[in-house]
């Protein structure tokens, strides 16, 4: 009897979510596929489906800053593998995605057949990369490992606060957006600074900027 797989597809483009779903159906016709179009929705979906076999994650989604979404998911549900599916496929992006815990990196330019093959290998416990990029991996630096662990230790609410700090919002603005008191935001900021090992909001924002990834270039 075939195993009924469950996949989470996290991408803010409906057409690409449909393409990923089609590729997954090639591999597992009976699979349950759950979709999310923002980082917040992805977090909620993952909490509702802790038995998912794989998360397919776009790096460029509302509520995520580059690798922050990947690191958050790896900290939130370390037993669910995450495959990054992105149009930003420069070697440094691929290398850092694997450094930060991805089980594979699938370029958005891949054919549906290749996506299905990649997912099949990841489900078997392999780390999948396209052949052209297989040689880019290097050892993770100790500093990056520590930083990834620190980001992963943030609660979902602290994570949202950090994202808003990087957008330049003040405590009272963040409190308004999240519908909590300013004192609660101050407590979150204090916890964020402690976890990241920094001493000011500015240093926290600079640290978070390490996670940024340039969006893929659009052909004119």
Foldseek 3Di string as FASTA:
>chain_A
DDDAAEEEEEAQDPVLSVLLVVLQCVQPVRHHYHYHQALVRVLVVCVVCVVHQEYEAEQDGHLHAACLSVLQVCLVRVVHAYEYEACQVDLVSQQVSVVLGHLEYHYSVDHSPVSNVQVVVVSVVHRYYPPVNVPSYDDDDPLSNLQSVLSNPQDPLLSSLLVVLLVVDDLVRSCVVVVHDSVVSVVSVVSSCVSNVHDDSVVSNVSSNVNHDDHRDDDD
